[in-house]
mmCIF file of all heavy atoms, coordinates in Angstrom:
data_MODEL
# 
_entry.id   MODEL 
# 
loop_
_atom_site.group_PDB 
_atom_site.id 
_atom_site.type_symbol 
_atom_site.label_atom_id 
_atom_site.label_alt_id 
_atom_site.label_comp_id 
_atom_site.label_asym_id 
_atom_site.label_entity_id 
_atom_site.label_seq_id 
_atom_site.pdbx_PDB_ins_code 
_atom_site.Cartn_x 
_atom_site.Cartn_y 
_atom_site.Cartn_z 
_atom_site.occupancy 
_atom_site.B_iso_or_equiv 
_atom_site.pdbx_formal_charge 
_atom_site.auth_seq_id 
_atom_site.auth_comp_id 
_atom_site.auth_asym_id 
_atom_site.auth_atom_id 
_atom_site.pdbx_PDB_model_num 
ATOM 1   N N   . SER A 1 1  ? -83.635  122.975 -80.917  1.00 0.00 ? 1  SER A N   1 
ATOM 2   C CA  . SER A 1 1  ? -83.236  123.113 -79.551  1.00 0.00 ? 1  SER A CA  1 
ATOM 3   C C   . SER A 1 1  ? -84.198  122.433 -78.563  1.00 0.00 ? 1  SER A C   1 
ATOM 4   O O   . SER A 1 1  ? -83.851  122.200 -77.439  1.00 0.00 ? 1  SER A O   1 
ATOM 5   C CB  . SER A 1 1  ? -83.166  124.629 -79.150  1.00 0.00 ? 1  SER A CB  1 
ATOM 6   O OG  . SER A 1 1  ? -84.417  125.216 -79.212  1.00 0.00 ? 1  SER A OG  1 
ATOM 7   N N   . THR A 1 2  ? -85.381  122.062 -79.024  1.00 0.00 ? 2  THR A N   1 
ATOM 8   C CA  . THR A 1 2  ? -86.438  121.437 -78.233  1.00 0.00 ? 2  THR A CA  1 
ATOM 9   C C   . THR A 1 2  ? -86.479  119.905 -78.365  1.00 0.00 ? 2  THR A C   1 
ATOM 10  O O   . THR A 1 2  ? -86.741  119.203 -77.428  1.00 0.00 ? 2  THR A O   1 
ATOM 11  C CB  . THR A 1 2  ? -87.817  122.059 -78.498  1.00 0.00 ? 2  THR A CB  1 
ATOM 12  O OG1 . THR A 1 2  ? -87.787  123.450 -78.407  1.00 0.00 ? 2  THR A OG1 1 
ATOM 13  C CG2 . THR A 1 2  ? -88.903  121.514 -77.608  1.00 0.00 ? 2  THR A CG2 1 
ATOM 14  N N   . TYR A 1 3  ? -86.216  119.517 -79.587  1.00 0.00 ? 3  TYR A N   1 
ATOM 15  C CA  . TYR A 1 3  ? -86.437  118.058 -79.885  1.00 0.00 ? 3  TYR A CA  1 
ATOM 16  C C   . TYR A 1 3  ? -85.427  117.093 -79.226  1.00 0.00 ? 3  TYR A C   1 
ATOM 17  O O   . TYR A 1 3  ? -84.288  117.401 -79.115  1.00 0.00 ? 3  TYR A O   1 
ATOM 18  C CB  . TYR A 1 3  ? -86.297  117.860 -81.417  1.00 0.00 ? 3  TYR A CB  1 
ATOM 19  C CG  . TYR A 1 3  ? -86.540  116.468 -81.883  1.00 0.00 ? 3  TYR A CG  1 
ATOM 20  C CD1 . TYR A 1 3  ? -87.844  116.031 -82.158  1.00 0.00 ? 3  TYR A CD1 1 
ATOM 21  C CD2 . TYR A 1 3  ? -85.489  115.568 -82.101  1.00 0.00 ? 3  TYR A CD2 1 
ATOM 22  C CE1 . TYR A 1 3  ? -88.096  114.719 -82.602  1.00 0.00 ? 3  TYR A CE1 1 
ATOM 23  C CE2 . TYR A 1 3  ? -85.687  114.252 -82.532  1.00 0.00 ? 3  TYR A CE2 1 
ATOM 24  C CZ  . TYR A 1 3  ? -87.030  113.843 -82.808  1.00 0.00 ? 3  TYR A CZ  1 
ATOM 25  O OH  . TYR A 1 3  ? -87.260  112.590 -83.195  1.00 0.00 ? 3  TYR A OH  1 
ATOM 26  N N   . ASP A 1 4  ? -86.042  116.051 -78.636  1.00 0.00 ? 4  ASP A N   1 
ATOM 27  C CA  . ASP A 1 4  ? -85.180  114.968 -78.007  1.00 0.00 ? 4  ASP A CA  1 
ATOM 28  C C   . ASP A 1 4  ? -85.485  113.700 -78.732  1.00 0.00 ? 4  ASP A C   1 
ATOM 29  O O   . ASP A 1 4  ? -84.719  113.163 -79.472  1.00 0.00 ? 4  ASP A O   1 
ATOM 30  C CB  . ASP A 1 4  ? -85.465  114.968 -76.509  1.00 0.00 ? 4  ASP A CB  1 
ATOM 31  C CG  . ASP A 1 4  ? -84.635  113.827 -75.890  1.00 0.00 ? 4  ASP A CG  1 
ATOM 32  O OD1 . ASP A 1 4  ? -83.603  113.459 -76.428  1.00 0.00 ? 4  ASP A OD1 1 
ATOM 33  O OD2 . ASP A 1 4  ? -84.971  113.388 -74.750  1.00 0.00 ? 4  ASP A OD2 1 
ATOM 34  N N   . LYS A 1 5  ? -86.728  113.233 -78.507  1.00 0.00 ? 5  LYS A N   1 
ATOM 35  C CA  . LYS A 1 5  ? -87.227  112.035 -79.251  1.00 0.00 ? 5  LYS A CA  1 
ATOM 36  C C   . LYS A 1 5  ? -88.747  112.182 -79.357  1.00 0.00 ? 5  LYS A C   1 
ATOM 37  O O   . LYS A 1 5  ? -89.352  112.837 -78.503  1.00 0.00 ? 5  LYS A O   1 
ATOM 38  C CB  . LYS A 1 5  ? -86.801  110.755 -78.576  1.00 0.00 ? 5  LYS A CB  1 
ATOM 39  C CG  . LYS A 1 5  ? -87.205  110.643 -77.156  1.00 0.00 ? 5  LYS A CG  1 
ATOM 40  C CD  . LYS A 1 5  ? -86.710  109.302 -76.554  1.00 0.00 ? 5  LYS A CD  1 
ATOM 41  C CE  . LYS A 1 5  ? -87.133  109.194 -75.033  1.00 0.00 ? 5  LYS A CE  1 
ATOM 42  N NZ  . LYS A 1 5  ? -86.691  107.877 -74.495  1.00 0.00 ? 5  LYS A NZ  1 
ATOM 43  N N   . GLY A 1 6  ? -89.298  111.537 -80.374  1.00 0.00 ? 6  GLY A N   1 
ATOM 44  C CA  . GLY A 1 6  ? -90.687  111.703 -80.596  1.00 0.00 ? 6  GLY A CA  1 
ATOM 45  C C   . GLY A 1 6  ? -90.955  112.119 -81.995  1.00 0.00 ? 6  GLY A C   1 
ATOM 46  O O   . GLY A 1 6  ? -90.238  111.784 -82.945  1.00 0.00 ? 6  GLY A O   1 
ATOM 47  N N   . TYR A 1 7  ? -91.999  112.956 -82.218  1.00 0.00 ? 7  TYR A N   1 
ATOM 48  C CA  . TYR A 1 7  ? -92.345  113.425 -83.469  1.00 0.00 ? 7  TYR A CA  1 
ATOM 49  C C   . TYR A 1 7  ? -92.558  114.937 -83.519  1.00 0.00 ? 7  TYR A C   1 
ATOM 50  O O   . TYR A 1 7  ? -92.934  115.479 -82.565  1.00 0.00 ? 7  TYR A O   1 
ATOM 51  C CB  . TYR A 1 7  ? -93.668  112.797 -83.986  1.00 0.00 ? 7  TYR A CB  1 
ATOM 52  C CG  . TYR A 1 7  ? -93.549  111.356 -84.451  1.00 0.00 ? 7  TYR A CG  1 
ATOM 53  C CD1 . TYR A 1 7  ? -93.578  110.332 -83.541  1.00 0.00 ? 7  TYR A CD1 1 
ATOM 54  C CD2 . TYR A 1 7  ? -93.331  111.025 -85.782  1.00 0.00 ? 7  TYR A CD2 1 
ATOM 55  C CE1 . TYR A 1 7  ? -93.469  109.041 -83.947  1.00 0.00 ? 7  TYR A CE1 1 
ATOM 56  C CE2 . TYR A 1 7  ? -93.251  109.751 -86.180  1.00 0.00 ? 7  TYR A CE2 1 
ATOM 57  C CZ  . TYR A 1 7  ? -93.304  108.728 -85.331  1.00 0.00 ? 7  TYR A CZ  1 
ATOM 58  O OH  . TYR A 1 7  ? -93.202  107.414 -85.720  1.00 0.00 ? 7  TYR A OH  1 
ATOM 59  N N   . VAL A 1 8  ? -92.298  115.493 -84.693  1.00 0.00 ? 8  VAL A N   1 
ATOM 60  C CA  . VAL A 1 8  ? -92.641  116.927 -84.945  1.00 0.00 ? 8  VAL A CA  1 
ATOM 61  C C   . VAL A 1 8  ? -93.825  116.905 -85.931  1.00 0.00 ? 8  VAL A C   1 
ATOM 62  O O   . VAL A 1 8  ? -93.714  116.315 -86.969  1.00 0.00 ? 8  VAL A O   1 
ATOM 63  C CB  . VAL A 1 8  ? -91.444  117.723 -85.500  1.00 0.00 ? 8  VAL A CB  1 
ATOM 64  C CG1 . VAL A 1 8  ? -91.922  119.167 -85.794  1.00 0.00 ? 8  VAL A CG1 1 
ATOM 65  C CG2 . VAL A 1 8  ? -90.261  117.644 -84.596  1.00 0.00 ? 8  VAL A CG2 1 
ATOM 66  N N   . MET A 1 9  ? -94.913  117.525 -85.553  1.00 0.00 ? 9  MET A N   1 
ATOM 67  C CA  . MET A 1 9  ? -96.122  117.497 -86.341  1.00 0.00 ? 9  MET A CA  1 
ATOM 68  C C   . MET A 1 9  ? -96.300  118.876 -86.972  1.00 0.00 ? 9  MET A C   1 
ATOM 69  O O   . MET A 1 9  ? -96.450  119.914 -86.268  1.00 0.00 ? 9  MET A O   1 
ATOM 70  C CB  . MET A 1 9  ? -97.324  117.159 -85.477  1.00 0.00 ? 9  MET A CB  1 
ATOM 71  C CG  . MET A 1 9  ? -98.626  117.103 -86.233  1.00 0.00 ? 9  MET A CG  1 
ATOM 72  S SD  . MET A 1 9  ? -99.985  116.580 -85.137  1.00 0.00 ? 9  MET A SD  1 
ATOM 73  C CE  . MET A 1 9  ? -101.373 116.564 -86.254  1.00 0.00 ? 9  MET A CE  1 
ATOM 74  N N   . LEU A 1 10 ? -96.236  118.952 -88.285  1.00 0.00 ? 10 LEU A N   1 
ATOM 75  C CA  . LEU A 1 10 ? -96.440  120.209 -89.041  1.00 0.00 ? 10 LEU A CA  1 
ATOM 76  C C   . LEU A 1 10 ? -97.814  120.266 -89.592  1.00 0.00 ? 10 LEU A C   1 
ATOM 77  O O   . LEU A 1 10 ? -98.385  119.264 -90.066  1.00 0.00 ? 10 LEU A O   1 
ATOM 78  C CB  . LEU A 1 10 ? -95.451  120.350 -90.181  1.00 0.00 ? 10 LEU A CB  1 
ATOM 79  C CG  . LEU A 1 10 ? -93.986  120.557 -89.784  1.00 0.00 ? 10 LEU A CG  1 
ATOM 80  C CD1 . LEU A 1 10 ? -93.138  120.529 -91.051  1.00 0.00 ? 10 LEU A CD1 1 
ATOM 81  C CD2 . LEU A 1 10 ? -93.790  121.790 -89.038  1.00 0.00 ? 10 LEU A CD2 1 
ATOM 82  N N   . THR A 1 11 ? -98.452  121.474 -89.653  1.00 0.00 ? 11 THR A N   1 
ATOM 83  C CA  . THR A 1 11 ? -99.803  121.585 -90.083  1.00 0.00 ? 11 THR A CA  1 
ATOM 84  C C   . THR A 1 11 ? -100.013 122.765 -91.011  1.00 0.00 ? 11 THR A C   1 
ATOM 85  O O   . THR A 1 11 ? -101.154 123.185 -91.216  1.00 0.00 ? 11 THR A O   1 
ATOM 86  C CB  . THR A 1 11 ? -100.761 121.746 -88.873  1.00 0.00 ? 11 THR A CB  1 
ATOM 87  O OG1 . THR A 1 11 ? -100.491 122.967 -88.239  1.00 0.00 ? 11 THR A OG1 1 
ATOM 88  C CG2 . THR A 1 11 ? -100.652 120.538 -87.889  1.00 0.00 ? 11 THR A CG2 1 
ATOM 89  N N   . ASP A 1 12 ? -98.963  123.322 -91.550  1.00 0.00 ? 12 ASP A N   1 
ATOM 90  C CA  . ASP A 1 12 ? -99.085  124.619 -92.210  1.00 0.00 ? 12 ASP A CA  1 
ATOM 91  C C   . ASP A 1 12 ? -98.237  124.641 -93.504  1.00 0.00 ? 12 ASP A C   1 
ATOM 92  O O   . ASP A 1 12 ? -97.047  124.417 -93.378  1.00 0.00 ? 12 ASP A O   1 
ATOM 93  C CB  . ASP A 1 12 ? -98.727  125.758 -91.245  1.00 0.00 ? 12 ASP A CB  1 
ATOM 94  C CG  . ASP A 1 12 ? -99.351  127.049 -91.630  1.00 0.00 ? 12 ASP A CG  1 
ATOM 95  O OD1 . ASP A 1 12 ? -99.255  127.463 -92.878  1.00 0.00 ? 12 ASP A OD1 1 
ATOM 96  O OD2 . ASP A 1 12 ? -99.911  127.763 -90.796  1.00 0.00 ? 12 ASP A OD2 1 
ATOM 97  N N   . TYR A 1 13 ? -98.809  125.082 -94.583  1.00 0.00 ? 13 TYR A N   1 
ATOM 98  C CA  . TYR A 1 13 ? -98.004  125.185 -95.853  1.00 0.00 ? 13 TYR A CA  1 
ATOM 99  C C   . TYR A 1 13 ? -96.947  126.272 -95.751  1.00 0.00 ? 13 TYR A C   1 
ATOM 100 O O   . TYR A 1 13 ? -96.011  126.312 -96.574  1.00 0.00 ? 13 TYR A O   1 
ATOM 101 C CB  . TYR A 1 13 ? -98.932  125.439 -97.012  1.00 0.00 ? 13 TYR A CB  1 
ATOM 102 C CG  . TYR A 1 13 ? -99.462  126.851 -97.130  1.00 0.00 ? 13 TYR A CG  1 
ATOM 103 C CD1 . TYR A 1 13 ? -98.786  127.818 -97.897  1.00 0.00 ? 13 TYR A CD1 1 
ATOM 104 C CD2 . TYR A 1 13 ? -100.611 127.276 -96.478  1.00 0.00 ? 13 TYR A CD2 1 
ATOM 105 C CE1 . TYR A 1 13 ? -99.229  129.121 -97.967  1.00 0.00 ? 13 TYR A CE1 1 
ATOM 106 C CE2 . TYR A 1 13 ? -101.028 128.561 -96.519  1.00 0.00 ? 13 TYR A CE2 1 
ATOM 107 C CZ  . TYR A 1 13 ? -100.355 129.513 -97.244  1.00 0.00 ? 13 TYR A CZ  1 
ATOM 108 O OH  . TYR A 1 13 ? -100.865 130.817 -97.340  1.00 0.00 ? 13 TYR A OH  1 
ATOM 109 N N   . ARG A 1 14 ? -97.055  127.168 -94.759  1.00 0.00 ? 14 ARG A N   1 
ATOM 110 C CA  . ARG A 1 14 ? -96.122  128.253 -94.609  1.00 0.00 ? 14 ARG A CA  1 
ATOM 111 C C   . ARG A 1 14 ? -94.860  127.772 -93.900  1.00 0.00 ? 14 ARG A C   1 
ATOM 112 O O   . ARG A 1 14 ? -93.934  128.555 -93.717  1.00 0.00 ? 14 ARG A O   1 
ATOM 113 C CB  . ARG A 1 14 ? -96.752  129.410 -93.829  1.00 0.00 ? 14 ARG A CB  1 
ATOM 114 C CG  . ARG A 1 14 ? -97.865  130.082 -94.624  1.00 0.00 ? 14 ARG A CG  1 
ATOM 115 C CD  . ARG A 1 14 ? -98.656  131.031 -93.791  1.00 0.00 ? 14 ARG A CD  1 
ATOM 116 N NE  . ARG A 1 14 ? -99.522  130.307 -92.787  1.00 0.00 ? 14 ARG A NE  1 
ATOM 117 C CZ  . ARG A 1 14 ? -100.446 130.916 -92.037  1.00 0.00 ? 14 ARG A CZ  1 
ATOM 118 N NH1 . ARG A 1 14 ? -100.730 132.173 -92.198  1.00 0.00 ? 14 ARG A NH1 1 
ATOM 119 N NH2 . ARG A 1 14 ? -101.135 130.234 -91.108  1.00 0.00 ? 14 ARG A NH2 1 
ATOM 120 N N   . LEU A 1 15 ? -94.839  126.495 -93.538  1.00 0.00 ? 15 LEU A N   1 
ATOM 121 C CA  . LEU A 1 15 ? -93.638  125.930 -92.825  1.00 0.00 ? 15 LEU A CA  1 
ATOM 122 C C   . LEU A 1 15 ? -93.045  124.731 -93.570  1.00 0.00 ? 15 LEU A C   1 
ATOM 123 O O   . LEU A 1 15 ? -92.428  123.903 -92.963  1.00 0.00 ? 15 LEU A O   1 
ATOM 124 C CB  . LEU A 1 15 ? -94.116  125.522 -91.413  1.00 0.00 ? 15 LEU A CB  1 
ATOM 125 C CG  . LEU A 1 15 ? -94.806  126.551 -90.575  1.00 0.00 ? 15 LEU A CG  1 
ATOM 126 C CD1 . LEU A 1 15 ? -95.248  125.934 -89.242  1.00 0.00 ? 15 LEU A CD1 1 
ATOM 127 C CD2 . LEU A 1 15 ? -93.867  127.722 -90.276  1.00 0.00 ? 15 LEU A CD2 1 
ATOM 128 N N   . LEU A 1 16 ? -93.235  124.643 -94.854  1.00 0.00 ? 16 LEU A N   1 
ATOM 129 C CA  . LEU A 1 16 ? -92.864  123.464 -95.604  1.00 0.00 ? 16 LEU A CA  1 
ATOM 130 C C   . LEU A 1 16 ? -91.326  123.306 -95.721  1.00 0.00 ? 16 LEU A C   1 
ATOM 131 O O   . LEU A 1 16 ? -90.832  122.234 -96.047  1.00 0.00 ? 16 LEU A O   1 
ATOM 132 C CB  . LEU A 1 16 ? -93.419  123.520 -97.022  1.00 0.00 ? 16 LEU A CB  1 
ATOM 133 C CG  . LEU A 1 16 ? -94.989  123.260 -97.063  1.00 0.00 ? 16 LEU A CG  1 
ATOM 134 C CD1 . LEU A 1 16 ? -95.442  123.354 -98.490  1.00 0.00 ? 16 LEU A CD1 1 
ATOM 135 C CD2 . LEU A 1 16 ? -95.349  121.912 -96.447  1.00 0.00 ? 16 LEU A CD2 1 
ATOM 136 N N   . MET A 1 17 ? -90.552  124.341 -95.471  1.00 0.00 ? 17 MET A N   1 
ATOM 137 C CA  . MET A 1 17 ? -89.106  124.199 -95.532  1.00 0.00 ? 17 MET A CA  1 
ATOM 138 C C   . MET A 1 17 ? -88.474  123.699 -94.242  1.00 0.00 ? 17 MET A C   1 
ATOM 139 O O   . MET A 1 17 ? -87.298  123.388 -94.136  1.00 0.00 ? 17 MET A O   1 
ATOM 140 C CB  . MET A 1 17 ? -88.461  125.529 -95.963  1.00 0.00 ? 17 MET A CB  1 
ATOM 141 C CG  . MET A 1 17 ? -88.787  125.933 -97.413  1.00 0.00 ? 17 MET A CG  1 
ATOM 142 S SD  . MET A 1 17 ? -87.890  127.364 -97.951  1.00 0.00 ? 17 MET A SD  1 
ATOM 143 C CE  . MET A 1 17 ? -86.285  126.632 -98.294  1.00 0.00 ? 17 MET A CE  1 
ATOM 144 N N   . VAL A 1 18 ? -89.324  123.697 -93.171  1.00 0.00 ? 18 VAL A N   1 
ATOM 145 C CA  . VAL A 1 18 ? -88.817  123.315 -91.862  1.00 0.00 ? 18 VAL A CA  1 
ATOM 146 C C   . VAL A 1 18 ? -88.186  121.917 -91.860  1.00 0.00 ? 18 VAL A C   1 
ATOM 147 O O   . VAL A 1 18 ? -87.086  121.770 -91.249  1.00 0.00 ? 18 VAL A O   1 
ATOM 148 C CB  . VAL A 1 18 ? -89.959  123.413 -90.793  1.00 0.00 ? 18 VAL A CB  1 
ATOM 149 C CG1 . VAL A 1 18 ? -89.611  122.724 -89.511  1.00 0.00 ? 18 VAL A CG1 1 
ATOM 150 C CG2 . VAL A 1 18 ? -90.262  124.894 -90.496  1.00 0.00 ? 18 VAL A CG2 1 
ATOM 151 N N   . PRO A 1 19 ? -88.858  120.896 -92.418  1.00 0.00 ? 19 PRO A N   1 
ATOM 152 C CA  . PRO A 1 19 ? -88.224  119.537 -92.398  1.00 0.00 ? 19 PRO A CA  1 
ATOM 153 C C   . PRO A 1 19 ? -86.864  119.486 -93.004  1.00 0.00 ? 19 PRO A C   1 
ATOM 154 O O   . PRO A 1 19 ? -85.919  118.934 -92.409  1.00 0.00 ? 19 PRO A O   1 
ATOM 155 C CB  . PRO A 1 19 ? -89.258  118.666 -93.123  1.00 0.00 ? 19 PRO A CB  1 
ATOM 156 C CG  . PRO A 1 19 ? -90.561  119.395 -92.976  1.00 0.00 ? 19 PRO A CG  1 
ATOM 157 C CD  . PRO A 1 19 ? -90.209  120.835 -93.008  1.00 0.00 ? 19 PRO A CD  1 
ATOM 158 N N   . LYS A 1 20 ? -86.703  120.081 -94.151  1.00 0.00 ? 20 LYS A N   1 
ATOM 159 C CA  . LYS A 1 20 ? -85.402  120.061 -94.826  1.00 0.00 ? 20 LYS A CA  1 
ATOM 160 C C   . LYS A 1 20 ? -84.305  120.701 -93.986  1.00 0.00 ? 20 LYS A C   1 
ATOM 161 O O   . LYS A 1 20 ? -83.199  120.252 -93.846  1.00 0.00 ? 20 LYS A O   1 
ATOM 162 C CB  . LYS A 1 20 ? -85.513  120.764 -96.199  1.00 0.00 ? 20 LYS A CB  1 
ATOM 163 C CG  . LYS A 1 20 ? -84.130  120.837 -96.958  1.00 0.00 ? 20 LYS A CG  1 
ATOM 164 C CD  . LYS A 1 20 ? -84.324  121.615 -98.227  1.00 0.00 ? 20 LYS A CD  1 
ATOM 165 C CE  . LYS A 1 20 ? -82.957  121.759 -98.909  1.00 0.00 ? 20 LYS A CE  1 
ATOM 166 N NZ  . LYS A 1 20 ? -83.051  122.541 -100.168 1.00 0.00 ? 20 LYS A NZ  1 
ATOM 167 N N   . ILE A 1 21 ? -84.670  121.899 -93.384  1.00 0.00 ? 21 ILE A N   1 
ATOM 168 C CA  . ILE A 1 21 ? -83.696  122.640 -92.589  1.00 0.00 ? 21 ILE A CA  1 
ATOM 169 C C   . ILE A 1 21 ? -83.304  121.836 -91.331  1.00 0.00 ? 21 ILE A C   1 
ATOM 170 O O   . ILE A 1 21 ? -82.149  121.744 -90.988  1.00 0.00 ? 21 ILE A O   1 
ATOM 171 C CB  . ILE A 1 21 ? -84.305  123.990 -92.180  1.00 0.00 ? 21 ILE A CB  1 
ATOM 172 C CG1 . ILE A 1 21 ? -84.550  124.853 -93.450  1.00 0.00 ? 21 ILE A CG1 1 
ATOM 173 C CG2 . ILE A 1 21 ? -83.375  124.748 -91.182  1.00 0.00 ? 21 ILE A CG2 1 
ATOM 174 C CD1 . ILE A 1 21 ? -85.349  126.110 -93.252  1.00 0.00 ? 21 ILE A CD1 1 
ATOM 175 N N   . CYS A 1 22 ? -84.286  121.207 -90.668  1.00 0.00 ? 22 CYS A N   1 
ATOM 176 C CA  . CYS A 1 22 ? -84.071  120.485 -89.444  1.00 0.00 ? 22 CYS A CA  1 
ATOM 177 C C   . CYS A 1 22 ? -83.259  119.179 -89.727  1.00 0.00 ? 22 CYS A C   1 
ATOM 178 O O   . CYS A 1 22 ? -82.322  118.857 -88.968  1.00 0.00 ? 22 CYS A O   1 
ATOM 179 C CB  . CYS A 1 22 ? -85.371  120.127 -88.745  1.00 0.00 ? 22 CYS A CB  1 
ATOM 180 S SG  . CYS A 1 22 ? -86.219  121.573 -87.975  1.00 0.00 ? 22 CYS A SG  1 
ATOM 181 N N   . ILE A 1 23 ? -83.638  118.473 -90.755  1.00 0.00 ? 23 ILE A N   1 
ATOM 182 C CA  . ILE A 1 23 ? -83.016  117.169 -91.092  1.00 0.00 ? 23 ILE A CA  1 
ATOM 183 C C   . ILE A 1 23 ? -81.533  117.415 -91.444  1.00 0.00 ? 23 ILE A C   1 
ATOM 184 O O   . ILE A 1 23 ? -80.696  116.519 -91.225  1.00 0.00 ? 23 ILE A O   1 
ATOM 185 C CB  . ILE A 1 23 ? -83.756  116.435 -92.204  1.00 0.00 ? 23 ILE A CB  1 
ATOM 186 C CG1 . ILE A 1 23 ? -85.112  115.949 -91.568  1.00 0.00 ? 23 ILE A CG1 1 
ATOM 187 C CG2 . ILE A 1 23 ? -83.017  115.251 -92.707  1.00 0.00 ? 23 ILE A CG2 1 
ATOM 188 C CD1 . ILE A 1 23 ? -86.091  115.423 -92.643  1.00 0.00 ? 23 ILE A CD1 1 
ATOM 189 N N   . LYS A 1 24 ? -81.266  118.541 -92.024  1.00 0.00 ? 24 LYS A N   1 
ATOM 190 C CA  . LYS A 1 24 ? -79.865  118.869 -92.384  1.00 0.00 ? 24 LYS A CA  1 
ATOM 191 C C   . LYS A 1 24 ? -78.958  118.903 -91.114  1.00 0.00 ? 24 LYS A C   1 
ATOM 192 O O   . LYS A 1 24 ? -77.791  118.512 -91.154  1.00 0.00 ? 24 LYS A O   1 
ATOM 193 C CB  . LYS A 1 24 ? -79.793  120.225 -93.141  1.00 0.00 ? 24 LYS A CB  1 
ATOM 194 C CG  . LYS A 1 24 ? -78.447  120.448 -93.787  1.00 0.00 ? 24 LYS A CG  1 
ATOM 195 C CD  . LYS A 1 24 ? -78.501  121.812 -94.535  1.00 0.00 ? 24 LYS A CD  1 
ATOM 196 C CE  . LYS A 1 24 ? -79.371  121.715 -95.759  1.00 0.00 ? 24 LYS A CE  1 
ATOM 197 N NZ  . LYS A 1 24 ? -79.246  123.001 -96.535  1.00 0.00 ? 24 LYS A NZ  1 
ATOM 198 N N   . THR A 1 25 ? -79.542  119.360 -89.998  1.00 0.00 ? 25 THR A N   1 
ATOM 199 C CA  . THR A 1 25 ? -78.816  119.397 -88.742  1.00 0.00 ? 25 THR A CA  1 
ATOM 200 C C   . THR A 1 25 ? -78.959  118.132 -87.942  1.00 0.00 ? 25 THR A C   1 
ATOM 201 O O   . THR A 1 25 ? -78.006  117.622 -87.340  1.00 0.00 ? 25 THR A O   1 
ATOM 202 C CB  . THR A 1 25 ? -79.291  120.583 -87.896  1.00 0.00 ? 25 THR A CB  1 
ATOM 203 O OG1 . THR A 1 25 ? -79.056  121.806 -88.644  1.00 0.00 ? 25 THR A OG1 1 
ATOM 204 C CG2 . THR A 1 25 ? -78.542  120.707 -86.556  1.00 0.00 ? 25 THR A CG2 1 
ATOM 205 N N   . ASN A 1 26 ? -80.174  117.561 -87.973  1.00 0.00 ? 26 ASN A N   1 
ATOM 206 C CA  . ASN A 1 26 ? -80.440  116.367 -87.170  1.00 0.00 ? 26 ASN A CA  1 
ATOM 207 C C   . ASN A 1 26 ? -81.206  115.354 -88.085  1.00 0.00 ? 26 ASN A C   1 
ATOM 208 O O   . ASN A 1 26 ? -82.380  115.358 -88.167  1.00 0.00 ? 26 ASN A O   1 
ATOM 209 C CB  . ASN A 1 26 ? -81.301  116.666 -85.951  1.00 0.00 ? 26 ASN A CB  1 
ATOM 210 C CG  . ASN A 1 26 ? -81.591  115.464 -85.105  1.00 0.00 ? 26 ASN A CG  1 
ATOM 211 O OD1 . ASN A 1 26 ? -81.254  114.310 -85.424  1.00 0.00 ? 26 ASN A OD1 1 
ATOM 212 N ND2 . ASN A 1 26 ? -82.301  115.671 -83.995  1.00 0.00 ? 26 ASN A ND2 1 
ATOM 213 N N   . PRO A 1 27 ? -80.401  114.472 -88.743  1.00 0.00 ? 27 PRO A N   1 
ATOM 214 C CA  . PRO A 1 27 ? -81.085  113.509 -89.694  1.00 0.00 ? 27 PRO A CA  1 
ATOM 215 C C   . PRO A 1 27 ? -82.004  112.556 -89.030  1.00 0.00 ? 27 PRO A C   1 
ATOM 216 O O   . PRO A 1 27 ? -82.838  111.925 -89.761  1.00 0.00 ? 27 PRO A O   1 
ATOM 217 C CB  . PRO A 1 27 ? -79.858  112.736 -90.262  1.00 0.00 ? 27 PRO A CB  1 
ATOM 218 C CG  . PRO A 1 27 ? -78.693  113.633 -90.023  1.00 0.00 ? 27 PRO A CG  1 
ATOM 219 C CD  . PRO A 1 27 ? -78.929  114.335 -88.761  1.00 0.00 ? 27 PRO A CD  1 
ATOM 220 N N   . GLY A 1 28 ? -81.949  112.415 -87.745  1.00 0.00 ? 28 GLY A N   1 
ATOM 221 C CA  . GLY A 1 28 ? -82.845  111.468 -87.018  1.00 0.00 ? 28 GLY A CA  1 
ATOM 222 C C   . GLY A 1 28 ? -84.165  112.023 -86.645  1.00 0.00 ? 28 GLY A C   1 
ATOM 223 O O   . GLY A 1 28 ? -85.013  111.258 -86.124  1.00 0.00 ? 28 GLY A O   1 
ATOM 224 N N   . ILE A 1 29 ? -84.386  113.297 -86.866  1.00 0.00 ? 29 ILE A N   1 
ATOM 225 C CA  . ILE A 1 29 ? -85.648  113.933 -86.421  1.00 0.00 ? 29 ILE A CA  1 
ATOM 226 C C   . ILE A 1 29 ? -86.791  113.385 -87.260  1.00 0.00 ? 29 ILE A C   1 
ATOM 227 O O   . ILE A 1 29 ? -86.651  113.159 -88.467  1.00 0.00 ? 29 ILE A O   1 
ATOM 228 C CB  . ILE A 1 29 ? -85.535  115.437 -86.550  1.00 0.00 ? 29 ILE A CB  1 
ATOM 229 C CG1 . ILE A 1 29 ? -86.652  116.159 -85.832  1.00 0.00 ? 29 ILE A CG1 1 
ATOM 230 C CG2 . ILE A 1 29 ? -85.474  115.915 -87.994  1.00 0.00 ? 29 ILE A CG2 1 
ATOM 231 C CD1 . ILE A 1 29 ? -86.477  117.642 -85.622  1.00 0.00 ? 29 ILE A CD1 1 
# 
């Protein structure tokens, strides 16, 4: 809901499923 353009920076092993979940909805993220 926040992403427009740019990068999402992850820094935590507790969030490793986030890319897969987000890319499924927005392949361009």
